[in-house]
Amino acid sequence: MVFATLFPLGVLQLYHSVSTGYFDARTLQFITGGANPVLEWLRLPGDVLFIVGGVLPILHLCWLSIRYMVPAVKPTEEEREILFTEVVERSGHD
């Protein structure tokens, strides 16, 4: 993004501000006209690669997490009793 769009647009805007004035280089007519839309469209293939390269791994991880989902393990009645057994301390003089 920096080298494909921002730097070239900045150089063009700097040249325009030096040759015609700072105010004219900041107008909407300059920003939306000329080479700006062309440079933004030239950046599109790189943006698509960046988006696809970021989204595909996330989608793959989501697919793997759904595909290899482990069902919840429910304890049996015996395991529940062991799990919730109370521990009672006995006094020393029985």
PDB file of N, CA and C in Angstrom:
ATOM      1  N   MET A   1       0.832  -1.182   0.000  1.00  0.00           N
ATOM      2  CA  MET A   1       0.000   0.000   0.000  1.00  0.00           C
ATOM      3  C   MET A   1       0.877   1.246   0.000  1.00  0.00           C
ATOM      4  N   VAL A   2       1.941   1.219   0.749  1.00  0.00           N
ATOM      5  CA  VAL A   2       2.805   2.396   0.834  1.00  0.00           C
ATOM      6  C   VAL A   2       3.499   2.642  -0.489  1.00  0.00           C
ATOM      7  N   PHE A   3       4.088   1.596  -1.056  1.00  0.00           N
ATOM      8  CA  PHE A   3       4.877   1.789  -2.273  1.00  0.00           C
ATOM      9  C   PHE A   3       4.023   1.808  -3.536  1.00  0.00           C
ATOM     10  N   ALA A   4       2.851   1.185  -3.508  1.00  0.00           N
ATOM     11  CA  ALA A   4       2.020   1.124  -4.712  1.00  0.00           C
ATOM     12  C   ALA A   4       1.076   2.314  -4.831  1.00  0.00           C
ATOM     13  N   THR A   5       0.686   2.911  -3.707  1.00  0.00           N
ATOM     14  CA  THR A   5      -0.293   3.991  -3.779  1.00  0.00           C
ATOM     15  C   THR A   5       0.149   5.249  -3.051  1.00  0.00           C
ATOM     16  N   LEU A   6       0.443   5.128  -1.773  1.00  0.00           N
ATOM     17  CA  LEU A   6       0.674   6.326  -0.975  1.00  0.00           C
ATOM     18  C   LEU A   6       1.912   7.107  -1.409  1.00  0.00           C
ATOM     19  N   PHE A   7       3.007   6.422  -1.665  1.00  0.00           N
ATOM     20  CA  PHE A   7       4.226   7.131  -2.080  1.00  0.00           C
ATOM     21  C   PHE A   7       4.065   7.810  -3.442  1.00  0.00           C
ATOM     22  N   PRO A   8       3.568   7.093  -4.483  1.00  0.00           N
ATOM     23  CA  PRO A   8       3.380   7.778  -5.768  1.00  0.00           C
ATOM     24  C   PRO A   8       2.373   8.934  -5.686  1.00  0.00           C
ATOM     25  N   LEU A   9       1.281   8.749  -4.953  1.00  0.00           N
ATOM     26  CA  LEU A   9       0.312   9.832  -4.815  1.00  0.00           C
ATOM     27  C   LEU A   9       0.898  11.002  -4.047  1.00  0.00           C
ATOM     28  N   GLY A  10       1.708  10.703  -3.059  1.00  0.00           N
ATOM     29  CA  GLY A  10       2.366  11.766  -2.303  1.00  0.00           C
ATOM     30  C   GLY A  10       3.345  12.556  -3.155  1.00  0.00           C
ATOM     31  N   VAL A  11       4.077  11.856  -4.015  1.00  0.00           N
ATOM     32  CA  VAL A  11       5.012  12.545  -4.914  1.00  0.00           C
ATOM     33  C   VAL A  11       4.244  13.417  -5.896  1.00  0.00           C
ATOM     34  N   LEU A  12       3.155  12.883  -6.449  1.00  0.00           N
ATOM     35  CA  LEU A  12       2.339  13.685  -7.372  1.00  0.00           C
ATOM     36  C   LEU A  12       1.738  14.900  -6.674  1.00  0.00           C
ATOM     37  N   GLN A  13       1.268  14.713  -5.453  1.00  0.00           N
ATOM     38  CA  GLN A  13       0.678  15.822  -4.707  1.00  0.00           C
ATOM     39  C   GLN A  13       1.746  16.848  -4.333  1.00  0.00           C
ATOM     40  N   LEU A  14       2.928  16.392  -3.987  1.00  0.00           N
ATOM     41  CA  LEU A  14       4.023  17.323  -3.687  1.00  0.00           C
ATOM     42  C   LEU A  14       4.384  18.132  -4.924  1.00  0.00           C
ATOM     43  N   TYR A  15       4.510  17.481  -6.063  1.00  0.00           N
ATOM     44  CA  TYR A  15       4.827  18.186  -7.309  1.00  0.00           C
ATOM     45  C   TYR A  15       3.739  19.214  -7.641  1.00  0.00           C
ATOM     46  N   HIS A  16       2.485  18.799  -7.476  1.00  0.00           N
ATOM     47  CA  HIS A  16       1.369  19.703  -7.764  1.00  0.00           C
ATOM     48  C   HIS A  16       1.339  20.877  -6.793  1.00  0.00           C
ATOM     49  N   SER A  17       1.630  20.631  -5.521  1.00  0.00           N
ATOM     50  CA  SER A  17       1.610  21.729  -4.542  1.00  0.00           C
ATOM     51  C   SER A  17       2.755  22.704  -4.769  1.00  0.00           C
ATOM     52  N   VAL A  18       3.902  22.211  -5.240  1.00  0.00           N
ATOM     53  CA  VAL A  18       5.025  23.113  -5.511  1.00  0.00           C
ATOM     54  C   VAL A  18       4.758  23.920  -6.787  1.00  0.00           C
ATOM     55  N   SER A  19       4.168  23.278  -7.785  1.00  0.00           N
ATOM     56  CA  SER A  19       3.974  23.977  -9.052  1.00  0.00           C
ATOM     57  C   SER A  19       2.753  24.895  -9.050  1.00  0.00           C
ATOM     58  N   THR A  20       1.648  24.500  -8.419  1.00  0.00           N
ATOM     59  CA  THR A  20       0.443  25.342  -8.478  1.00  0.00           C
ATOM     60  C   THR A  20      -0.005  25.868  -7.122  1.00  0.00           C
ATOM     61  N   GLY A  21       0.433  25.294  -6.049  1.00  0.00           N
ATOM     62  CA  GLY A  21       0.054  25.785  -4.731  1.00  0.00           C
ATOM     63  C   GLY A  21      -0.512  24.675  -3.855  1.00  0.00           C
ATOM     64  N   TYR A  22      -0.336  24.860  -2.559  1.00  0.00           N
ATOM     65  CA  TYR A  22      -0.753  23.845  -1.590  1.00  0.00           C
ATOM     66  C   TYR A  22      -2.267  23.664  -1.581  1.00  0.00           C
ATOM     67  N   PHE A  23      -2.999  24.766  -1.644  1.00  0.00           N
ATOM     68  CA  PHE A  23      -4.462  24.689  -1.594  1.00  0.00           C
ATOM     69  C   PHE A  23      -5.005  23.885  -2.762  1.00  0.00           C
ATOM     70  N   ASP A  24      -4.470  24.106  -3.947  1.00  0.00           N
ATOM     71  CA  ASP A  24      -4.944  23.398  -5.130  1.00  0.00           C
ATOM     72  C   ASP A  24      -4.619  21.898  -5.046  1.00  0.00           C
ATOM     73  N   ALA A  25      -3.501  21.549  -4.417  1.00  0.00           N
ATOM     74  CA  ALA A  25      -3.124  20.137  -4.285  1.00  0.00           C
ATOM     75  C   ALA A  25      -3.987  19.405  -3.265  1.00  0.00           C
ATOM     76  N   ARG A  26      -4.693  20.136  -2.413  1.00  0.00           N
ATOM     77  CA  ARG A  26      -5.542  19.510  -1.395  1.00  0.00           C
ATOM     78  C   ARG A  26      -7.014  19.479  -1.786  1.00  0.00           C
ATOM     79  N   THR A  27      -7.361  19.975  -2.952  1.00  0.00           N
ATOM     80  CA  THR A  27      -8.764  20.018  -3.357  1.00  0.00           C
ATOM     81  C   THR A  27      -9.262  18.626  -3.743  1.00  0.00           C
ATOM     82  N   LEU A  28     -10.572  18.462  -3.704  1.00  0.00           N
ATOM     83  CA  LEU A  28     -11.195  17.195  -4.065  1.00  0.00           C
ATOM     84  C   LEU A  28     -10.990  16.888  -5.545  1.00  0.00           C
ATOM     85  N   GLN A  29     -10.921  17.920  -6.362  1.00  0.00           N
ATOM     86  CA  GLN A  29     -10.720  17.729  -7.795  1.00  0.00           C
ATOM     87  C   GLN A  29      -9.360  17.073  -8.070  1.00  0.00           C
ATOM     88  N   PHE A  30      -8.330  17.473  -7.341  1.00  0.00           N
ATOM     89  CA  PHE A  30      -7.020  16.855  -7.539  1.00  0.00           C
ATOM     90  C   PHE A  30      -6.999  15.418  -7.021  1.00  0.00           C
ATOM     91  N   ILE A  31      -7.602  15.202  -5.857  1.00  0.00           N
ATOM     92  CA  ILE A  31      -7.543  13.880  -5.232  1.00  0.00           C
ATOM     93  C   ILE A  31      -8.340  12.845  -6.030  1.00  0.00           C
ATOM     94  N   THR A  32      -9.458  13.247  -6.628  1.00  0.00           N
ATOM     95  CA  THR A  32     -10.292  12.295  -7.359  1.00  0.00           C
ATOM     96  C   THR A  32      -9.992  12.243  -8.852  1.00  0.00           C
ATOM     97  N   GLY A  33      -9.131  13.088  -9.350  1.00  0.00           N
ATOM     98  CA  GLY A  33      -8.873  13.111 -10.782  1.00  0.00           C
ATOM     99  C   GLY A  33      -7.430  12.764 -11.104  1.00  0.00           C
ATOM    100  N   GLY A  34      -7.144  12.690 -12.375  1.00  0.00           N
ATOM    101  CA  GLY A  34      -5.777  12.452 -12.823  1.00  0.00           C
ATOM    102  C   GLY A  34      -5.342  11.014 -12.629  1.00  0.00           C
ATOM    103  N   ALA A  35      -4.145  10.859 -12.073  1.00  0.00           N
ATOM    104  CA  ALA A  35      -3.549   9.529 -11.936  1.00  0.00           C
ATOM    105  C   ALA A  35      -3.988   8.805 -10.660  1.00  0.00           C
ATOM    106  N   ASN A  36      -4.669   9.482  -9.769  1.00  0.00           N
ATOM    107  CA  ASN A  36      -5.046   8.855  -8.497  1.00  0.00           C
ATOM    108  C   ASN A  36      -5.925   7.621  -8.665  1.00  0.00           C
ATOM    109  N   PRO A  37      -7.017   7.697  -9.424  1.00  0.00           N
ATOM    110  CA  PRO A  37      -7.834   6.481  -9.584  1.00  0.00           C
ATOM    111  C   PRO A  37      -7.076   5.340 -10.275  1.00  0.00           C
ATOM    112  N   VAL A  38      -6.192   5.684 -11.209  1.00  0.00           N
ATOM    113  CA  VAL A  38      -5.413   4.650 -11.905  1.00  0.00           C
ATOM    114  C   VAL A  38      -4.492   3.935 -10.924  1.00  0.00           C
ATOM    115  N   LEU A  39      -3.813   4.687 -10.069  1.00  0.00           N
ATOM    116  CA  LEU A  39      -2.922   4.073  -9.081  1.00  0.00           C
ATOM    117  C   LEU A  39      -3.700   3.225  -8.078  1.00  0.00           C
ATOM    118  N   GLU A  40      -4.887   3.671  -7.726  1.00  0.00           N
ATOM    119  CA  GLU A  40      -5.695   2.878  -6.798  1.00  0.00           C
ATOM    120  C   GLU A  40      -6.143   1.566  -7.440  1.00  0.00           C
ATOM    121  N   TRP A  41      -6.489   1.582  -8.716  1.00  0.00           N
ATOM    122  CA  TRP A  41      -6.877   0.354  -9.414  1.00  0.00           C
ATOM    123  C   TRP A  41      -5.677  -0.561  -9.630  1.00  0.00           C
ATOM    124  N   LEU A  42      -4.509   0.011  -9.813  1.00  0.00           N
ATOM    125  CA  LEU A  42      -3.312  -0.818  -9.979  1.00  0.00           C
ATOM    126  C   LEU A  42      -2.956  -1.550  -8.679  1.00  0.00           C
ATOM    127  N   ARG A  43      -3.410  -1.003  -7.574  1.00  0.00           N
ATOM    128  CA  ARG A  43      -3.142  -1.626  -6.284  1.00  0.00           C
ATOM    129  C   ARG A  43      -4.078  -2.802  -6.007  1.00  0.00           C
ATOM    130  N   LEU A  44      -5.145  -2.933  -6.773  1.00  0.00           N
ATOM    131  CA  LEU A  44      -6.162  -3.954  -6.524  1.00  0.00           C
ATOM    132  C   LEU A  44      -5.624  -5.384  -6.496  1.00  0.00           C
ATOM    133  N   PRO A  45      -4.775  -5.837  -7.438  1.00  0.00           N
ATOM    134  CA  PRO A  45      -4.289  -7.226  -7.360  1.00  0.00           C
ATOM    135  C   PRO A  45      -3.536  -7.535  -6.064  1.00  0.00           C
ATOM    136  N   GLY A  46      -2.729  -6.605  -5.609  1.00  0.00           N
ATOM    137  CA  GLY A  46      -2.024  -6.814  -4.344  1.00  0.00           C
ATOM    138  C   GLY A  46      -2.975  -6.878  -3.163  1.00  0.00           C
ATOM    139  N   ASP A  47      -4.012  -6.052  -3.180  1.00  0.00           N
ATOM    140  CA  ASP A  47      -5.007  -6.087  -2.111  1.00  0.00           C
ATOM    141  C   ASP A  47      -5.753  -7.413  -2.092  1.00  0.00           C
ATOM    142  N   VAL A  48      -6.085  -7.916  -3.272  1.00  0.00           N
ATOM    143  CA  VAL A  48      -6.799  -9.196  -3.355  1.00  0.00           C
ATOM    144  C   VAL A  48      -5.931 -10.322  -2.801  1.00  0.00           C
ATOM    145  N   LEU A  49      -4.651 -10.327  -3.161  1.00  0.00           N
ATOM    146  CA  LEU A  49      -3.745 -11.350  -2.627  1.00  0.00           C
ATOM    147  C   LEU A  49      -3.630 -11.248  -1.113  1.00  0.00           C
ATOM    148  N   PHE A  50      -3.560 -10.042  -0.606  1.00  0.00           N
ATOM    149  CA  PHE A  50      -3.445  -9.833   0.835  1.00  0.00           C
ATOM    150  C   PHE A  50      -4.701 -10.324   1.549  1.00  0.00           C
ATOM    151  N   ILE A  51      -5.876 -10.018   0.998  1.00  0.00           N
ATOM    152  CA  ILE A  51      -7.134 -10.444   1.617  1.00  0.00           C
ATOM    153  C   ILE A  51      -7.280 -11.957   1.565  1.00  0.00           C
ATOM    154  N   VAL A  52      -7.013 -12.537   0.402  1.00  0.00           N
ATOM    155  CA  VAL A  52      -7.128 -13.992   0.259  1.00  0.00           C
ATOM    156  C   VAL A  52      -6.112 -14.693   1.161  1.00  0.00           C
ATOM    157  N   GLY A  53      -4.901 -14.162   1.226  1.00  0.00           N
ATOM    158  CA  GLY A  53      -3.874 -14.757   2.076  1.00  0.00           C
ATOM    159  C   GLY A  53      -4.199 -14.657   3.552  1.00  0.00           C
ATOM    160  N   GLY A  54      -5.046 -13.715   3.926  1.00  0.00           N
ATOM    161  CA  GLY A  54      -5.445 -13.590   5.323  1.00  0.00           C
ATOM    162  C   GLY A  54      -6.712 -14.350   5.657  1.00  0.00           C
ATOM    163  N   VAL A  55      -7.617 -14.440   4.692  1.00  0.00           N
ATOM    164  CA  VAL A  55      -8.913 -15.067   4.956  1.00  0.00           C
ATOM    165  C   VAL A  55      -8.854 -16.587   4.811  1.00  0.00           C
ATOM    166  N   LEU A  56      -8.135 -17.077   3.826  1.00  0.00           N
ATOM    167  CA  LEU A  56      -8.088 -18.527   3.596  1.00  0.00           C
ATOM    168  C   LEU A  56      -7.541 -19.313   4.786  1.00  0.00           C
ATOM    169  N   PRO A  57      -6.451 -18.896   5.417  1.00  0.00           N
ATOM    170  CA  PRO A  57      -6.000 -19.659   6.598  1.00  0.00           C
ATOM    171  C   PRO A  57      -7.024 -19.668   7.734  1.00  0.00           C
ATOM    172  N   ILE A  58      -7.725 -18.558   7.921  1.00  0.00           N
ATOM    173  CA  ILE A  58      -8.740 -18.507   8.978  1.00  0.00           C
ATOM    174  C   ILE A  58      -9.897 -19.446   8.643  1.00  0.00           C
ATOM    175  N   LEU A  59     -10.339 -19.441   7.389  1.00  0.00           N
ATOM    176  CA  LEU A  59     -11.400 -20.353   6.981  1.00  0.00           C
ATOM    177  C   LEU A  59     -10.959 -21.807   7.108  1.00  0.00           C
ATOM    178  N   HIS A  60      -9.703 -22.091   6.782  1.00  0.00           N
ATOM    179  CA  HIS A  60      -9.176 -23.455   6.919  1.00  0.00           C
ATOM    180  C   HIS A  60      -9.173 -23.897   8.379  1.00  0.00           C
ATOM    181  N   LEU A  61      -8.746 -23.030   9.273  1.00  0.00           N
ATOM    182  CA  LEU A  61      -8.753 -23.368  10.696  1.00  0.00           C
ATOM    183  C   LEU A  61     -10.168 -23.576  11.220  1.00  0.00           C
ATOM    184  N   CYS A  62     -11.111 -22.758  10.751  1.00  0.00           N
ATOM    185  CA  CYS A  62     -12.509 -22.950  11.159  1.00  0.00           C
ATOM    186  C   CYS A  62     -13.032 -24.286  10.656  1.00  0.00           C
ATOM    187  N   TRP A  63     -12.712 -24.631   9.420  1.00  0.00           N
ATOM    188  CA  TRP A  63     -13.146 -25.910   8.852  1.00  0.00           C
ATOM    189  C   TRP A  63     -12.556 -27.075   9.646  1.00  0.00           C
ATOM    190  N   LEU A  64     -11.277 -26.986   9.990  1.00  0.00           N
ATOM    191  CA  LEU A  64     -10.653 -28.063  10.767  1.00  0.00           C
ATOM    192  C   LEU A  64     -11.278 -28.189  12.153  1.00  0.00           C
ATOM    193  N   SER A  65     -11.606 -27.069  12.768  1.00  0.00           N
ATOM    194  CA  SER A  65     -12.199 -27.135  14.105  1.00  0.00           C
ATOM    195  C   SER A  65     -13.598 -27.741  14.072  1.00  0.00           C
ATOM    196  N   ILE A  66     -14.320 -27.513  12.994  1.00  0.00           N
ATOM    197  CA  ILE A  66     -15.649 -28.128  12.871  1.00  0.00           C
ATOM    198  C   ILE A  66     -15.524 -29.596  12.489  1.00  0.00           C
ATOM    199  N   ARG A  67     -14.607 -29.898  11.595  1.00  0.00           N
ATOM    200  CA  ARG A  67     -14.455 -31.273  11.097  1.00  0.00           C
ATOM    201  C   ARG A  67     -13.993 -32.226  12.191  1.00  0.00           C
ATOM    202  N   TYR A  68     -13.060 -31.787  13.012  1.00  0.00           N
ATOM    203  CA  TYR A  68     -12.488 -32.661  14.046  1.00  0.00           C
ATOM    204  C   TYR A  68     -13.014 -32.323  15.441  1.00  0.00           C
ATOM    205  N   MET A  69     -14.249 -31.865  15.509  1.00  0.00           N
ATOM    206  CA  MET A  69     -14.825 -31.505  16.796  1.00  0.00           C
ATOM    207  C   MET A  69     -15.003 -32.765  17.641  1.00  0.00           C
ATOM    208  N   VAL A  70     -14.573 -32.695  18.874  1.00  0.00           N
ATOM    209  CA  VAL A  70     -14.684 -33.823  19.798  1.00  0.00           C
ATOM    210  C   VAL A  70     -15.983 -33.656  20.580  1.00  0.00           C
ATOM    211  N   PRO A  71     -16.809 -34.694  20.607  1.00  0.00           N
ATOM    212  CA  PRO A  71     -18.061 -34.572  21.365  1.00  0.00           C
ATOM    213  C   PRO A  71     -17.776 -34.445  22.862  1.00  0.00           C
ATOM    214  N   ALA A  72     -18.676 -33.790  23.532  1.00  0.00           N
ATOM    215  CA  ALA A  72     -18.525 -33.599  24.971  1.00  0.00           C
ATOM    216  C   ALA A  72     -18.626 -34.945  25.683  1.00  0.00           C
ATOM    217  N   VAL A  73     -17.770 -35.142  26.658  1.00  0.00           N
ATOM    218  CA  VAL A  73     -17.754 -36.394  27.417  1.00  0.00           C
ATOM    219  C   VAL A  73     -18.633 -36.212  28.645  1.00  0.00           C
ATOM    220  N   LYS A  74     -19.626 -37.097  28.776  1.00  0.00           N
ATOM    221  CA  LYS A  74     -20.507 -37.035  29.933  1.00  0.00           C
ATOM    222  C   LYS A  74     -20.082 -38.121  30.911  1.00  0.00           C
ATOM    223  N   PRO A  75     -19.872 -37.753  32.157  1.00  0.00           N
ATOM    224  CA  PRO A  75     -19.448 -38.760  33.134  1.00  0.00           C
ATOM    225  C   PRO A  75     -20.583 -39.741  33.454  1.00  0.00           C
ATOM    226  N   THR A  76     -20.185 -40.963  33.764  1.00  0.00           N
ATOM    227  CA  THR A  76     -21.168 -41.974  34.160  1.00  0.00           C
ATOM    228  C   THR A  76     -21.631 -41.691  35.578  1.00  0.00           C
ATOM    229  N   GLU A  77     -22.608 -42.455  36.012  1.00  0.00           N
ATOM    230  CA  GLU A  77     -23.148 -42.256  37.356  1.00  0.00           C
ATOM    231  C   GLU A  77     -22.085 -42.512  38.425  1.00  0.00           C
ATOM    232  N   GLU A  78     -21.233 -43.517  38.216  1.00  0.00           N
ATOM    233  CA  GLU A  78     -20.172 -43.820  39.175  1.00  0.00           C
ATOM    234  C   GLU A  78     -19.159 -42.682  39.238  1.00  0.00           C
ATOM    235  N   GLU A  79     -18.807 -42.162  38.096  1.00  0.00           N
ATOM    236  CA  GLU A  79     -17.839 -41.063  38.065  1.00  0.00           C
ATOM    237  C   GLU A  79     -18.406 -39.811  38.725  1.00  0.00           C
ATOM    238  N   ARG A  80     -19.700 -39.590  38.593  1.00  0.00           N
ATOM    239  CA  ARG A  80     -20.326 -38.441  39.243  1.00  0.00           C
ATOM    240  C   ARG A  80     -20.270 -38.579  40.752  1.00  0.00           C
ATOM    241  N   GLU A  81     -20.494 -39.790  41.256  1.00  0.00           N
ATOM    242  CA  GLU A  81     -20.458 -39.993  42.697  1.00  0.00           C
ATOM    243  C   GLU A  81     -19.049 -39.788  43.230  1.00  0.00           C
ATOM    244  N   ILE A  82     -18.061 -40.272  42.509  1.00  0.00           N
ATOM    245  CA  ILE A  82     -16.675 -40.100  42.940  1.00  0.00           C
ATOM    246  C   ILE A  82     -16.287 -38.623  42.885  1.00  0.00           C
ATOM    247  N   LEU A  83     -16.766 -37.967  41.875  1.00  0.00           N
ATOM    248  CA  LEU A  83     -16.405 -36.573  41.683  1.00  0.00           C
ATOM    249  C   LEU A  83     -16.941 -35.691  42.801  1.00  0.00           C
ATOM    250  N   PHE A  84     -18.130 -36.007  43.289  1.00  0.00           N
ATOM    251  CA  PHE A  84     -18.750 -35.163  44.288  1.00  0.00           C
ATOM    252  C   PHE A  84     -18.788 -35.807  45.664  1.00  0.00           C
ATOM    253  N   THR A  85     -17.805 -36.619  45.992  1.00  0.00           N
ATOM    254  CA  THR A  85     -17.739 -37.243  47.302  1.00  0.00           C
ATOM    255  C   THR A  85     -17.222 -36.215  48.318  1.00  0.00           C
ATOM    256  N   GLU A  86     -17.897 -36.152  49.444  1.00  0.00           N
ATOM    257  CA  GLU A  86     -17.471 -35.222  50.468  1.00  0.00           C
ATOM    258  C   GLU A  86     -16.298 -35.794  51.246  1.00  0.00           C
ATOM    259  N   VAL A  87     -15.383 -34.924  51.556  1.00  0.00           N
ATOM    260  CA  VAL A  87     -14.245 -35.325  52.376  1.00  0.00           C
ATOM    261  C   VAL A  87     -14.491 -34.778  53.761  1.00  0.00           C
ATOM    262  N   VAL A  88     -14.562 -35.703  54.745  1.00  0.00           N
ATOM    263  CA  VAL A  88     -14.842 -35.303  56.125  1.00  0.00           C
ATOM    264  C   VAL A  88     -13.615 -35.631  56.956  1.00  0.00           C
ATOM    265  N   GLU A  89     -13.142 -34.656  57.673  1.00  0.00           N
ATOM    266  CA  GLU A  89     -11.997 -34.887  58.552  1.00  0.00           C
ATOM    267  C   GLU A  89     -12.505 -35.467  59.859  1.00  0.00           C
ATOM    268  N   ARG A  90     -11.827 -36.491  60.308  1.00  0.00           N
ATOM    269  CA  ARG A  90     -12.208 -37.108  61.585  1.00  0.00           C
ATOM    270  C   ARG A  90     -11.354 -36.493  62.686  1.00  0.00           C
ATOM    271  N   SER A  91     -12.004 -36.416  63.803  1.00  0.00           N
ATOM    272  CA  SER A  91     -11.254 -35.891  64.949  1.00  0.00           C
ATOM    273  C   SER A  91     -10.322 -36.977  65.473  1.00  0.00           C
ATOM    274  N   GLY A  92      -9.266 -36.620  66.152  1.00  0.00           N
ATOM    275  CA  GLY A  92      -8.252 -37.558  66.603  1.00  0.00           C
ATOM    276  C   GLY A  92      -8.696 -38.483  67.725  1.00  0.00           C
ATOM    277  N   HIS A  93      -9.800 -38.234  68.439  1.00  0.00           N
ATOM    278  CA  HIS A  93     -10.211 -39.065  69.573  1.00  0.00           C
ATOM    279  C   HIS A  93     -11.499 -39.821  69.282  1.00  0.00           C
ATOM    280  N   ASP A  94     -11.424 -40.834  68.440  1.00  0.00           N
ATOM    281  CA  ASP A  94     -12.556 -41.718  68.156  1.00  0.00           C
ATOM    282  C   ASP A  94     -12.580 -42.883  69.084  1.00  0.00           C
TER     283      ASP A  94
END
